[in-house]
């Protein structure tokens, strides 16, 4: 009688950085001046709760397949929600800048542009983390999904821990560098969807920094 081999242990990536980022996004969106807000504050927090619950459940239930599917769906929906909010807020900032509305002063315009820029970084970081190579658990357990990005650690395997795989911090750095350099830095996009998303993120960042922030600084200077 042959004994069955024990099932391999599923490796689970820590979720606390992701939850902190979601809370930061919600805080920044709700702190925008009311003329720039797309929705009431409570709707943003409800949306955030809907996303955080399945993400926390992944860790509490040892990453059951059902919770992983729910997490993936709600994370993508949350990115769409945040993405629409970013575009709406940026358009509102530009409108206020052009018409010089009395409802928002230069300091509010500057702080709001910074908030939109940060939300842009965090929102795309969440999307990159969820989509690359099938998601965090697929990466951690070497499920064999094709990568959307090539990280520098993969070219210098002798200098990184054995079995290295990108985690959320790597995608947060990718989102940050894309918004600051407006181009790939050390991490290269390999697929068309990765390139399109990075172009979209860079465009939003460029519009925020060049158009809105520069105008806000000019107002403060005067």
N, C-alpha and C. Protein backbone atom coordinates (compact mmCIF):
# COMPACT_ATOMS: atom_id res chain seq x y z
N UNK A 1 0.85 -1.20 0.00
CA UNK A 1 0.00 0.00 0.00
C UNK A 1 0.89 1.25 0.00
N UNK A 2 0.70 2.08 -0.97
CA UNK A 2 1.51 3.30 -1.07
C UNK A 2 0.83 4.45 -0.33
N UNK A 3 1.67 5.22 0.32
CA UNK A 3 1.14 6.37 1.06
C UNK A 3 1.10 7.59 0.16
N UNK A 4 0.02 8.35 0.31
CA UNK A 4 -0.13 9.56 -0.49
C UNK A 4 0.87 10.62 -0.02
N UNK A 5 1.41 11.33 -1.01
CA UNK A 5 2.30 12.43 -0.67
C UNK A 5 1.50 13.60 -0.11
N UNK A 6 2.02 14.26 0.91
CA UNK A 6 1.28 15.40 1.46
C UNK A 6 1.15 16.52 0.44
N UNK A 7 0.01 17.18 0.47
CA UNK A 7 -0.23 18.28 -0.47
C UNK A 7 0.75 19.41 -0.20
N UNK A 8 1.27 20.03 -1.24
CA UNK A 8 2.20 21.14 -1.03
C UNK A 8 1.55 22.29 -0.28
N UNK A 9 2.32 22.93 0.58
CA UNK A 9 1.81 24.05 1.36
C UNK A 9 1.71 25.28 0.48
N UNK A 10 0.54 25.92 0.49
CA UNK A 10 0.32 27.11 -0.32
C UNK A 10 0.96 28.31 0.35
N UNK A 11 1.87 28.95 -0.35
CA UNK A 11 2.51 30.15 0.17
C UNK A 11 1.60 31.35 -0.05
N UNK A 12 1.45 32.16 0.99
CA UNK A 12 0.54 33.31 0.95
C UNK A 12 1.35 34.58 1.17
N UNK A 13 1.18 35.54 0.28
CA UNK A 13 1.86 36.82 0.44
C UNK A 13 1.14 37.66 1.50
N UNK A 14 1.90 38.36 2.32
CA UNK A 14 1.32 39.21 3.37
C UNK A 14 0.43 40.28 2.74
N UNK A 15 -0.72 40.50 3.38
CA UNK A 15 -1.69 41.45 2.83
C UNK A 15 -1.69 42.80 3.54
N UNK A 16 -0.98 42.95 4.66
CA UNK A 16 -1.08 44.20 5.40
C UNK A 16 -0.59 45.42 4.62
N UNK A 17 0.46 45.31 3.74
CA UNK A 17 0.82 46.50 2.96
C UNK A 17 -0.30 46.93 2.01
N UNK A 18 -1.01 45.95 1.46
CA UNK A 18 -2.09 46.26 0.53
C UNK A 18 -3.23 46.97 1.26
N UNK A 19 -3.56 46.48 2.45
CA UNK A 19 -4.64 47.10 3.22
C UNK A 19 -4.27 48.53 3.61
N UNK A 20 -3.03 48.75 3.99
CA UNK A 20 -2.58 50.10 4.33
C UNK A 20 -2.69 51.04 3.14
N UNK A 21 -2.34 50.54 1.96
CA UNK A 21 -2.42 51.37 0.75
C UNK A 21 -3.88 51.72 0.43
N UNK A 22 -4.77 50.76 0.57
CA UNK A 22 -6.19 51.02 0.32
C UNK A 22 -6.72 52.08 1.29
N UNK A 23 -6.35 51.97 2.56
CA UNK A 23 -6.76 52.97 3.54
C UNK A 23 -6.19 54.34 3.20
N UNK A 24 -4.95 54.39 2.72
CA UNK A 24 -4.34 55.66 2.33
C UNK A 24 -5.08 56.28 1.15
N UNK A 25 -5.45 55.45 0.17
CA UNK A 25 -6.21 55.95 -0.98
C UNK A 25 -7.54 56.55 -0.54
N UNK A 26 -8.25 55.83 0.34
CA UNK A 26 -9.54 56.32 0.82
C UNK A 26 -9.38 57.63 1.59
N UNK A 27 -8.36 57.70 2.42
CA UNK A 27 -8.12 58.92 3.19
C UNK A 27 -7.87 60.11 2.27
N UNK A 28 -7.03 59.92 1.26
CA UNK A 28 -6.70 61.02 0.35
C UNK A 28 -7.92 61.46 -0.45
N UNK A 29 -8.72 60.50 -0.90
CA UNK A 29 -9.91 60.85 -1.69
C UNK A 29 -10.93 61.60 -0.85
N UNK A 30 -11.07 61.20 0.41
CA UNK A 30 -12.07 61.85 1.26
C UNK A 30 -11.59 63.20 1.80
N UNK A 31 -10.29 63.47 1.74
CA UNK A 31 -9.77 64.74 2.23
C UNK A 31 -9.75 65.83 1.16
N UNK A 32 -10.11 65.49 -0.08
CA UNK A 32 -10.17 66.50 -1.13
C UNK A 32 -11.28 67.51 -0.83
N UNK A 33 -11.10 68.77 -1.22
CA UNK A 33 -12.17 69.76 -1.03
C UNK A 33 -13.46 69.30 -1.70
N UNK A 34 -14.57 69.63 -1.09
CA UNK A 34 -15.87 69.16 -1.59
C UNK A 34 -16.13 69.52 -3.06
N UNK A 35 -15.72 70.70 -3.55
CA UNK A 35 -15.97 70.97 -4.98
C UNK A 35 -15.28 69.99 -5.93
N UNK A 36 -14.24 69.30 -5.43
CA UNK A 36 -13.50 68.37 -6.28
C UNK A 36 -13.96 66.93 -6.10
N UNK A 37 -14.75 66.66 -5.08
CA UNK A 37 -15.13 65.28 -4.76
C UNK A 37 -16.14 64.75 -5.77
N UNK A 38 -15.95 63.50 -6.17
CA UNK A 38 -16.86 62.89 -7.12
C UNK A 38 -18.10 62.34 -6.43
N UNK A 39 -17.93 61.75 -5.24
CA UNK A 39 -19.02 61.09 -4.52
C UNK A 39 -18.99 61.49 -3.06
N UNK A 40 -20.09 61.27 -2.33
CA UNK A 40 -20.06 61.51 -0.88
C UNK A 40 -18.99 60.65 -0.19
N UNK A 41 -18.50 61.13 0.95
CA UNK A 41 -17.42 60.46 1.65
C UNK A 41 -17.79 59.03 2.03
N UNK A 42 -19.02 58.80 2.47
CA UNK A 42 -19.40 57.48 2.97
C UNK A 42 -19.35 56.42 1.87
N UNK A 43 -19.59 56.81 0.62
CA UNK A 43 -19.54 55.84 -0.47
C UNK A 43 -18.12 55.32 -0.66
N UNK A 44 -17.14 56.20 -0.55
CA UNK A 44 -15.74 55.78 -0.68
C UNK A 44 -15.37 54.78 0.41
N UNK A 45 -15.80 55.04 1.63
CA UNK A 45 -15.45 54.14 2.73
C UNK A 45 -16.18 52.80 2.63
N UNK A 46 -17.41 52.82 2.12
CA UNK A 46 -18.12 51.56 1.88
C UNK A 46 -17.38 50.75 0.83
N UNK A 47 -16.96 51.40 -0.25
CA UNK A 47 -16.22 50.71 -1.30
C UNK A 47 -14.92 50.13 -0.75
N UNK A 48 -14.24 50.90 0.10
CA UNK A 48 -13.00 50.40 0.69
C UNK A 48 -13.23 49.20 1.58
N UNK A 49 -14.31 49.21 2.35
CA UNK A 49 -14.62 48.08 3.23
C UNK A 49 -14.91 46.83 2.41
N UNK A 50 -15.62 46.99 1.31
CA UNK A 50 -15.93 45.85 0.44
C UNK A 50 -14.65 45.23 -0.11
N UNK A 51 -13.63 46.03 -0.33
CA UNK A 51 -12.36 45.52 -0.86
C UNK A 51 -11.52 44.90 0.25
N UNK A 52 -11.46 45.55 1.41
CA UNK A 52 -10.59 45.09 2.48
C UNK A 52 -11.04 43.76 3.06
N UNK A 53 -12.34 43.52 3.16
CA UNK A 53 -12.84 42.29 3.79
C UNK A 53 -12.32 41.03 3.09
N UNK A 54 -12.47 40.89 1.76
CA UNK A 54 -11.94 39.67 1.13
C UNK A 54 -10.42 39.59 1.15
N UNK A 55 -9.73 40.74 1.12
CA UNK A 55 -8.27 40.72 1.19
C UNK A 55 -7.82 40.18 2.55
N UNK A 56 -8.47 40.63 3.62
CA UNK A 56 -8.16 40.11 4.95
C UNK A 56 -8.55 38.64 5.06
N UNK A 57 -9.65 38.26 4.42
CA UNK A 57 -10.12 36.87 4.49
C UNK A 57 -9.16 35.91 3.83
N UNK A 58 -8.41 36.36 2.83
CA UNK A 58 -7.43 35.49 2.17
C UNK A 58 -6.41 34.98 3.19
N UNK A 59 -5.92 35.88 4.03
CA UNK A 59 -4.95 35.48 5.05
C UNK A 59 -5.57 34.65 6.15
N UNK A 60 -6.80 34.98 6.55
CA UNK A 60 -7.45 34.28 7.65
C UNK A 60 -7.91 32.88 7.27
N UNK A 61 -8.16 32.65 5.99
CA UNK A 61 -8.66 31.34 5.54
C UNK A 61 -7.62 30.54 4.78
N UNK A 62 -6.35 30.92 4.93
CA UNK A 62 -5.25 30.21 4.24
C UNK A 62 -5.43 30.25 2.73
N UNK A 63 -5.89 31.36 2.22
CA UNK A 63 -6.00 31.61 0.77
C UNK A 63 -6.86 30.57 0.06
N UNK A 64 -8.07 30.37 0.56
CA UNK A 64 -8.99 29.48 -0.14
C UNK A 64 -9.30 30.05 -1.52
N UNK A 65 -9.52 29.15 -2.47
CA UNK A 65 -9.70 29.57 -3.87
C UNK A 65 -10.85 30.55 -4.03
N UNK A 66 -11.92 30.35 -3.27
CA UNK A 66 -13.08 31.23 -3.40
C UNK A 66 -12.72 32.66 -3.02
N UNK A 67 -12.00 32.83 -1.90
CA UNK A 67 -11.62 34.17 -1.46
C UNK A 67 -10.60 34.80 -2.39
N UNK A 68 -9.74 33.98 -2.99
CA UNK A 68 -8.78 34.52 -3.95
C UNK A 68 -9.50 35.09 -5.17
N UNK A 69 -10.53 34.39 -5.64
CA UNK A 69 -11.30 34.89 -6.79
C UNK A 69 -12.02 36.18 -6.43
N UNK A 70 -12.63 36.19 -5.25
CA UNK A 70 -13.35 37.40 -4.82
C UNK A 70 -12.38 38.56 -4.66
N UNK A 71 -11.22 38.29 -4.07
CA UNK A 71 -10.22 39.34 -3.89
C UNK A 71 -9.80 39.93 -5.23
N UNK A 72 -9.58 39.08 -6.20
CA UNK A 72 -9.15 39.57 -7.51
C UNK A 72 -10.23 40.45 -8.16
N UNK A 73 -11.47 40.03 -8.06
CA UNK A 73 -12.56 40.78 -8.67
C UNK A 73 -12.73 42.14 -8.00
N UNK A 74 -12.78 42.15 -6.65
CA UNK A 74 -13.03 43.42 -5.96
C UNK A 74 -11.83 44.37 -6.08
N UNK A 75 -10.62 43.81 -6.16
CA UNK A 75 -9.45 44.67 -6.34
C UNK A 75 -9.48 45.36 -7.70
N UNK A 76 -9.85 44.62 -8.74
CA UNK A 76 -9.95 45.21 -10.07
C UNK A 76 -11.07 46.25 -10.13
N UNK A 77 -12.21 45.95 -9.47
CA UNK A 77 -13.31 46.91 -9.43
C UNK A 77 -12.92 48.15 -8.64
N UNK A 78 -12.14 47.97 -7.58
CA UNK A 78 -11.69 49.11 -6.78
C UNK A 78 -10.76 49.98 -7.61
N UNK A 79 -9.91 49.36 -8.42
CA UNK A 79 -9.04 50.15 -9.27
C UNK A 79 -9.86 50.97 -10.26
N UNK A 80 -10.89 50.38 -10.84
CA UNK A 80 -11.76 51.13 -11.76
C UNK A 80 -12.40 52.31 -11.03
N UNK A 81 -12.88 52.05 -9.81
CA UNK A 81 -13.49 53.10 -8.99
C UNK A 81 -12.49 54.22 -8.73
N UNK A 82 -11.28 53.85 -8.34
CA UNK A 82 -10.24 54.85 -8.07
C UNK A 82 -9.81 55.56 -9.35
N UNK A 83 -9.69 54.79 -10.45
CA UNK A 83 -9.28 55.39 -11.72
C UNK A 83 -10.26 56.44 -12.20
N UNK A 84 -11.56 56.13 -12.11
CA UNK A 84 -12.58 57.12 -12.48
C UNK A 84 -12.48 58.34 -11.57
N UNK A 85 -12.25 58.09 -10.29
CA UNK A 85 -12.11 59.20 -9.35
C UNK A 85 -10.91 60.08 -9.67
N UNK A 86 -9.79 59.45 -10.05
CA UNK A 86 -8.59 60.22 -10.40
C UNK A 86 -8.87 61.14 -11.59
N UNK A 87 -9.47 60.58 -12.65
CA UNK A 87 -9.75 61.37 -13.85
C UNK A 87 -10.72 62.50 -13.53
N UNK A 88 -11.76 62.18 -12.75
CA UNK A 88 -12.75 63.20 -12.38
C UNK A 88 -12.09 64.30 -11.56
N UNK A 89 -11.28 63.92 -10.57
CA UNK A 89 -10.63 64.91 -9.72
C UNK A 89 -9.64 65.77 -10.49
N UNK A 90 -8.91 65.14 -11.41
CA UNK A 90 -7.97 65.90 -12.23
C UNK A 90 -8.70 66.89 -13.12
N UNK A 91 -9.81 66.45 -13.72
CA UNK A 91 -10.60 67.35 -14.56
C UNK A 91 -11.17 68.51 -13.72
N UNK A 92 -11.58 68.20 -12.50
CA UNK A 92 -12.11 69.25 -11.62
C UNK A 92 -11.02 70.25 -11.24
N UNK A 93 -9.81 69.74 -10.99
CA UNK A 93 -8.69 70.62 -10.67
C UNK A 93 -8.38 71.56 -11.83
N UNK A 94 -8.36 71.02 -13.02
CA UNK A 94 -8.08 71.85 -14.21
C UNK A 94 -9.18 72.89 -14.41
N UNK A 95 -10.43 72.47 -14.19
CA UNK A 95 -11.55 73.41 -14.32
C UNK A 95 -11.42 74.55 -13.32
N UNK A 96 -11.11 74.19 -12.06
CA UNK A 96 -10.96 75.23 -11.04
C UNK A 96 -9.78 76.15 -11.37
N UNK A 97 -8.73 75.58 -11.93
CA UNK A 97 -7.56 76.37 -12.28
C UNK A 97 -7.87 77.36 -13.40
N UNK A 98 -8.58 76.89 -14.41
CA UNK A 98 -8.88 77.74 -15.56
C UNK A 98 -9.85 78.87 -15.19
N UNK A 99 -10.88 78.51 -14.42
CA UNK A 99 -11.91 79.50 -14.10
C UNK A 99 -11.59 80.28 -12.84
N UNK A 100 -10.51 79.90 -12.13
CA UNK A 100 -10.10 80.61 -10.92
C UNK A 100 -11.27 80.76 -9.95
N UNK A 101 -11.88 79.66 -9.63
CA UNK A 101 -13.04 79.67 -8.74
C UNK A 101 -12.64 80.15 -7.36
N UNK A 102 -13.53 80.90 -6.73
CA UNK A 102 -13.27 81.38 -5.37
C UNK A 102 -13.42 80.27 -4.34
N UNK A 103 -13.97 79.13 -4.75
CA UNK A 103 -14.21 78.04 -3.80
C UNK A 103 -12.94 77.32 -3.39
N UNK A 104 -11.85 77.45 -4.15
CA UNK A 104 -10.61 76.76 -3.86
C UNK A 104 -9.45 77.74 -4.01
N UNK A 105 -8.63 77.86 -2.98
CA UNK A 105 -7.48 78.75 -3.07
C UNK A 105 -6.26 77.99 -3.58
N UNK A 106 -5.14 78.72 -3.73
CA UNK A 106 -3.93 78.11 -4.28
C UNK A 106 -3.39 76.98 -3.45
N UNK A 107 -3.45 77.11 -2.12
CA UNK A 107 -2.94 76.05 -1.25
C UNK A 107 -3.76 74.78 -1.38
N UNK A 108 -5.09 74.91 -1.46
CA UNK A 108 -5.94 73.74 -1.66
C UNK A 108 -5.69 73.09 -3.01
N UNK A 109 -5.47 73.93 -4.02
CA UNK A 109 -5.19 73.40 -5.35
C UNK A 109 -3.89 72.61 -5.36
N UNK A 110 -2.87 73.13 -4.68
CA UNK A 110 -1.59 72.44 -4.62
C UNK A 110 -1.69 71.14 -3.84
N UNK A 111 -2.31 71.17 -2.67
CA UNK A 111 -2.44 69.95 -1.86
C UNK A 111 -3.31 68.91 -2.55
N UNK A 112 -4.33 69.36 -3.26
CA UNK A 112 -5.20 68.41 -3.97
C UNK A 112 -4.46 67.76 -5.13
N UNK A 113 -3.61 68.52 -5.82
CA UNK A 113 -2.84 67.94 -6.92
C UNK A 113 -1.86 66.90 -6.41
N UNK A 114 -1.26 67.15 -5.24
CA UNK A 114 -0.36 66.16 -4.64
C UNK A 114 -1.14 64.90 -4.27
N UNK A 115 -2.34 65.08 -3.70
CA UNK A 115 -3.17 63.94 -3.33
C UNK A 115 -3.54 63.10 -4.55
N UNK A 116 -3.91 63.75 -5.65
CA UNK A 116 -4.26 63.03 -6.87
C UNK A 116 -3.05 62.27 -7.40
N UNK A 117 -1.87 62.89 -7.34
CA UNK A 117 -0.66 62.22 -7.80
C UNK A 117 -0.36 60.98 -6.98
N UNK A 118 -0.48 61.09 -5.66
CA UNK A 118 -0.22 59.94 -4.79
C UNK A 118 -1.24 58.83 -5.02
N UNK A 119 -2.51 59.18 -5.15
CA UNK A 119 -3.54 58.18 -5.42
C UNK A 119 -3.28 57.48 -6.74
N UNK A 120 -2.79 58.22 -7.72
CA UNK A 120 -2.43 57.63 -9.01
C UNK A 120 -1.35 56.55 -8.83
N UNK A 121 -0.34 56.85 -8.03
CA UNK A 121 0.73 55.88 -7.76
C UNK A 121 0.17 54.64 -7.06
N UNK A 122 -0.60 54.85 -6.01
CA UNK A 122 -1.10 53.73 -5.20
C UNK A 122 -2.11 52.89 -5.97
N UNK A 123 -3.00 53.55 -6.71
CA UNK A 123 -4.02 52.80 -7.45
C UNK A 123 -3.42 51.89 -8.51
N UNK A 124 -2.47 52.40 -9.29
CA UNK A 124 -1.84 51.56 -10.32
C UNK A 124 -0.96 50.49 -9.69
N UNK A 125 -0.37 50.77 -8.53
CA UNK A 125 0.41 49.74 -7.85
C UNK A 125 -0.46 48.54 -7.49
N UNK A 126 -1.67 48.81 -7.00
CA UNK A 126 -2.60 47.73 -6.68
C UNK A 126 -2.93 46.90 -7.92
N UNK A 127 -3.17 47.59 -9.03
CA UNK A 127 -3.51 46.88 -10.27
C UNK A 127 -2.33 46.02 -10.74
N UNK A 128 -1.13 46.58 -10.75
CA UNK A 128 0.05 45.82 -11.18
C UNK A 128 0.24 44.59 -10.30
N UNK A 129 0.08 44.75 -9.00
CA UNK A 129 0.24 43.64 -8.05
C UNK A 129 -0.75 42.52 -8.32
N UNK A 130 -1.97 42.88 -8.67
CA UNK A 130 -3.01 41.88 -8.86
C UNK A 130 -2.93 41.19 -10.22
N UNK A 131 -2.47 41.88 -11.25
CA UNK A 131 -2.53 41.32 -12.60
C UNK A 131 -1.28 40.55 -13.01
N UNK A 132 -0.11 40.93 -12.51
CA UNK A 132 1.14 40.34 -13.00
C UNK A 132 1.24 38.86 -12.63
N UNK A 133 1.47 38.01 -13.61
CA UNK A 133 1.71 36.57 -13.44
C UNK A 133 0.58 35.83 -12.74
N UNK A 134 -0.63 36.35 -12.87
CA UNK A 134 -1.78 35.67 -12.29
C UNK A 134 -2.12 36.05 -10.88
N UNK A 135 -1.40 37.01 -10.30
CA UNK A 135 -1.71 37.44 -8.94
C UNK A 135 -0.68 37.01 -7.93
N UNK A 136 -0.81 37.48 -6.69
CA UNK A 136 0.23 37.24 -5.67
C UNK A 136 0.47 35.77 -5.34
N UNK A 137 -0.60 34.98 -5.20
CA UNK A 137 -0.38 33.58 -4.83
C UNK A 137 0.17 32.77 -6.00
N UNK A 138 -0.23 33.12 -7.22
CA UNK A 138 0.34 32.45 -8.39
C UNK A 138 1.84 32.71 -8.48
N UNK A 139 2.26 33.93 -8.14
CA UNK A 139 3.68 34.24 -8.15
C UNK A 139 4.41 33.52 -7.03
N UNK A 140 3.85 33.57 -5.83
CA UNK A 140 4.52 32.98 -4.67
C UNK A 140 4.67 31.47 -4.81
N UNK A 141 3.74 30.83 -5.52
CA UNK A 141 3.77 29.37 -5.65
C UNK A 141 4.24 28.90 -7.03
N UNK A 142 4.81 29.84 -7.80
CA UNK A 142 5.41 29.50 -9.08
C UNK A 142 4.43 28.76 -9.99
N UNK A 143 3.27 29.39 -10.19
CA UNK A 143 2.22 28.74 -10.98
C UNK A 143 2.51 28.76 -12.48
N UNK A 144 3.56 29.42 -12.90
CA UNK A 144 3.96 29.37 -14.30
C UNK A 144 3.26 30.35 -15.21
N UNK A 145 2.62 31.40 -14.65
CA UNK A 145 1.97 32.41 -15.49
C UNK A 145 3.04 33.30 -16.14
N UNK A 146 2.75 33.75 -17.36
CA UNK A 146 3.69 34.62 -18.06
C UNK A 146 3.75 35.99 -17.40
N UNK A 147 4.94 36.55 -17.25
CA UNK A 147 5.07 37.86 -16.57
C UNK A 147 4.68 39.02 -17.47
N UNK A 148 4.16 40.08 -16.84
CA UNK A 148 3.91 41.34 -17.54
C UNK A 148 5.10 42.28 -17.40
N UNK A 149 5.92 42.08 -16.35
CA UNK A 149 7.09 42.92 -16.12
C UNK A 149 8.30 42.04 -15.80
N UNK A 150 9.45 42.51 -16.21
CA UNK A 150 10.71 41.84 -15.90
C UNK A 150 11.45 42.67 -14.87
N UNK A 151 11.67 42.11 -13.69
CA UNK A 151 12.33 42.82 -12.60
C UNK A 151 13.83 42.56 -12.65
N UNK A 152 14.64 43.53 -12.20
CA UNK A 152 16.09 43.36 -12.28
C UNK A 152 16.61 42.19 -11.47
N UNK A 153 15.92 41.81 -10.38
CA UNK A 153 16.36 40.68 -9.56
C UNK A 153 16.37 39.37 -10.35
N UNK A 154 15.52 39.30 -11.39
CA UNK A 154 15.44 38.08 -12.17
C UNK A 154 16.63 37.91 -13.10
N UNK A 155 17.40 38.97 -13.29
CA UNK A 155 18.61 38.88 -14.11
C UNK A 155 19.87 38.70 -13.30
N UNK A 156 19.72 38.79 -11.97
CA UNK A 156 20.89 38.60 -11.08
C UNK A 156 20.50 37.64 -9.96
N UNK A 157 20.16 36.42 -10.33
CA UNK A 157 19.65 35.45 -9.35
C UNK A 157 20.67 35.13 -8.27
N UNK A 158 21.96 35.33 -8.56
CA UNK A 158 22.97 35.02 -7.56
C UNK A 158 22.99 36.05 -6.43
N UNK A 159 22.34 37.20 -6.63
CA UNK A 159 22.35 38.26 -5.62
C UNK A 159 21.04 38.40 -4.85
N UNK A 160 20.09 37.51 -5.10
CA UNK A 160 18.79 37.57 -4.41
C UNK A 160 18.52 36.22 -3.75
N UNK A 161 17.62 36.18 -2.76
CA UNK A 161 17.30 34.91 -2.11
C UNK A 161 16.74 33.90 -3.11
N UNK A 162 16.97 32.62 -2.83
CA UNK A 162 16.47 31.56 -3.70
C UNK A 162 14.95 31.61 -3.76
N UNK A 163 14.41 31.43 -4.97
CA UNK A 163 12.96 31.46 -5.15
C UNK A 163 12.35 32.84 -5.06
N UNK A 164 13.14 33.89 -5.30
CA UNK A 164 12.61 35.26 -5.20
C UNK A 164 11.46 35.47 -6.15
N UNK A 165 10.43 36.14 -5.66
CA UNK A 165 9.30 36.56 -6.48
C UNK A 165 8.91 37.97 -6.08
N UNK A 166 8.45 38.80 -7.03
CA UNK A 166 8.05 40.17 -6.68
C UNK A 166 6.87 40.18 -5.72
N UNK A 167 6.90 41.08 -4.76
CA UNK A 167 5.80 41.27 -3.82
C UNK A 167 5.23 42.67 -4.00
N UNK A 168 4.29 43.05 -3.13
CA UNK A 168 3.61 44.32 -3.33
C UNK A 168 4.57 45.50 -3.32
N UNK A 169 5.60 45.46 -2.48
CA UNK A 169 6.53 46.58 -2.41
C UNK A 169 7.21 46.81 -3.76
N UNK A 170 7.49 45.73 -4.49
CA UNK A 170 8.10 45.88 -5.81
C UNK A 170 7.16 46.59 -6.78
N UNK A 171 5.87 46.29 -6.68
CA UNK A 171 4.90 46.94 -7.57
C UNK A 171 4.62 48.38 -7.12
N UNK A 172 4.73 48.64 -5.83
CA UNK A 172 4.61 50.02 -5.35
C UNK A 172 5.77 50.86 -5.89
N UNK A 173 6.96 50.30 -5.88
CA UNK A 173 8.12 51.00 -6.44
C UNK A 173 7.95 51.20 -7.95
N UNK A 174 7.40 50.20 -8.64
CA UNK A 174 7.13 50.32 -10.07
C UNK A 174 6.16 51.46 -10.33
N UNK A 175 5.08 51.53 -9.53
CA UNK A 175 4.11 52.61 -9.70
C UNK A 175 4.71 53.97 -9.43
N UNK A 176 5.58 54.05 -8.42
CA UNK A 176 6.22 55.32 -8.07
C UNK A 176 7.16 55.79 -9.18
N UNK A 177 8.00 54.92 -9.66
CA UNK A 177 8.95 55.31 -10.70
C UNK A 177 8.25 55.66 -12.01
N UNK A 178 7.16 54.98 -12.31
CA UNK A 178 6.41 55.30 -13.53
C UNK A 178 5.83 56.71 -13.46
N UNK A 179 5.38 57.12 -12.26
CA UNK A 179 4.79 58.44 -12.10
C UNK A 179 5.83 59.55 -11.98
N UNK A 180 7.07 59.21 -11.63
CA UNK A 180 8.10 60.23 -11.48
C UNK A 180 8.99 60.35 -12.70
N UNK A 181 9.34 59.22 -13.32
CA UNK A 181 10.22 59.24 -14.49
C UNK A 181 9.45 59.28 -15.80
N UNK A 182 8.13 59.01 -15.76
CA UNK A 182 7.28 58.96 -16.95
C UNK A 182 7.76 57.90 -17.95
N UNK A 183 8.49 56.90 -17.48
CA UNK A 183 9.01 55.86 -18.35
C UNK A 183 9.49 54.70 -17.50
N UNK A 184 9.76 53.52 -18.08
CA UNK A 184 10.33 52.41 -17.31
C UNK A 184 11.72 52.79 -16.78
N UNK A 185 12.05 52.32 -15.60
CA UNK A 185 13.38 52.56 -15.03
C UNK A 185 14.13 51.23 -14.97
N UNK A 186 14.04 50.53 -13.84
CA UNK A 186 14.75 49.25 -13.74
C UNK A 186 13.86 48.07 -14.08
N UNK A 187 12.54 48.28 -14.13
CA UNK A 187 11.59 47.21 -14.40
C UNK A 187 10.98 47.41 -15.78
N UNK A 188 11.08 46.40 -16.62
CA UNK A 188 10.68 46.54 -18.02
C UNK A 188 9.33 45.89 -18.30
N UNK A 189 8.42 46.59 -18.98
CA UNK A 189 7.15 45.98 -19.37
C UNK A 189 7.36 44.99 -20.52
N UNK A 190 6.70 43.85 -20.44
CA UNK A 190 6.87 42.80 -21.45
C UNK A 190 5.64 42.59 -22.32
N UNK A 191 4.47 43.04 -21.85
CA UNK A 191 3.23 42.81 -22.59
C UNK A 191 2.62 44.13 -23.01
N UNK A 192 1.73 44.05 -23.98
CA UNK A 192 1.07 45.26 -24.48
C UNK A 192 0.23 45.91 -23.40
N UNK A 193 -0.47 45.11 -22.60
CA UNK A 193 -1.33 45.70 -21.58
C UNK A 193 -0.50 46.42 -20.51
N UNK A 194 0.67 45.88 -20.20
CA UNK A 194 1.55 46.55 -19.24
C UNK A 194 2.02 47.89 -19.79
N UNK A 195 2.37 47.93 -21.05
CA UNK A 195 2.83 49.18 -21.65
C UNK A 195 1.72 50.22 -21.71
N UNK A 196 0.50 49.79 -22.05
CA UNK A 196 -0.63 50.71 -22.13
C UNK A 196 -0.94 51.30 -20.76
N UNK A 197 -0.94 50.44 -19.74
CA UNK A 197 -1.23 50.91 -18.39
C UNK A 197 -0.16 51.89 -17.89
N UNK A 198 1.09 51.62 -18.19
CA UNK A 198 2.16 52.52 -17.77
C UNK A 198 2.07 53.85 -18.51
N UNK A 199 1.68 53.83 -19.78
CA UNK A 199 1.49 55.08 -20.52
C UNK A 199 0.35 55.88 -19.92
N UNK A 200 -0.74 55.20 -19.56
CA UNK A 200 -1.88 55.88 -18.95
C UNK A 200 -1.49 56.50 -17.62
N UNK A 201 -0.78 55.75 -16.79
CA UNK A 201 -0.36 56.28 -15.50
C UNK A 201 0.57 57.48 -15.67
N UNK A 202 1.52 57.39 -16.60
CA UNK A 202 2.45 58.50 -16.85
C UNK A 202 1.72 59.74 -17.34
N UNK A 203 0.72 59.54 -18.18
CA UNK A 203 -0.05 60.67 -18.71
C UNK A 203 -0.77 61.41 -17.59
N UNK A 204 -1.42 60.65 -16.71
CA UNK A 204 -2.12 61.27 -15.58
C UNK A 204 -1.13 62.01 -14.69
N UNK A 205 0.00 61.39 -14.43
CA UNK A 205 1.01 62.02 -13.58
C UNK A 205 1.55 63.30 -14.21
N UNK A 206 1.82 63.24 -15.50
CA UNK A 206 2.34 64.41 -16.20
C UNK A 206 1.35 65.57 -16.17
N UNK A 207 0.07 65.25 -16.42
CA UNK A 207 -0.95 66.29 -16.39
C UNK A 207 -1.07 66.90 -15.01
N UNK A 208 -0.96 66.07 -13.98
CA UNK A 208 -1.08 66.56 -12.61
C UNK A 208 0.08 67.47 -12.24
N UNK A 209 1.29 67.03 -12.56
CA UNK A 209 2.48 67.78 -12.15
C UNK A 209 2.65 69.05 -12.98
N UNK A 210 2.59 68.91 -14.29
CA UNK A 210 2.90 70.04 -15.17
C UNK A 210 1.78 71.08 -15.18
N UNK A 211 0.55 70.62 -15.32
CA UNK A 211 -0.56 71.56 -15.49
C UNK A 211 -1.05 72.11 -14.17
N UNK A 212 -1.40 71.22 -13.25
CA UNK A 212 -2.06 71.67 -12.03
C UNK A 212 -1.08 72.20 -11.00
N UNK A 213 -0.06 71.41 -10.68
CA UNK A 213 0.87 71.82 -9.62
C UNK A 213 1.61 73.11 -9.99
N UNK A 214 2.02 73.24 -11.26
CA UNK A 214 2.73 74.45 -11.66
C UNK A 214 1.85 75.68 -11.53
N UNK A 215 0.56 75.53 -11.88
CA UNK A 215 -0.37 76.66 -11.75
C UNK A 215 -0.60 77.00 -10.27
N UNK A 216 -0.69 75.97 -9.45
CA UNK A 216 -0.92 76.22 -8.02
C UNK A 216 0.26 76.96 -7.40
N UNK A 217 1.48 76.57 -7.75
CA UNK A 217 2.67 77.25 -7.24
C UNK A 217 2.71 78.70 -7.71
N UNK A 218 2.27 78.94 -8.95
CA UNK A 218 2.22 80.30 -9.48
C UNK A 218 1.23 81.15 -8.68
N UNK A 219 0.08 80.54 -8.33
CA UNK A 219 -0.91 81.27 -7.55
C UNK A 219 -0.35 81.62 -6.17
N UNK A 220 0.33 80.65 -5.55
CA UNK A 220 0.91 80.90 -4.24
C UNK A 220 1.98 81.99 -4.30
N UNK A 221 2.75 81.99 -5.40
CA UNK A 221 3.79 83.00 -5.55
C UNK A 221 3.25 84.40 -5.69
N UNK A 222 2.05 84.51 -6.24
CA UNK A 222 1.45 85.82 -6.42
C UNK A 222 0.69 86.29 -5.18
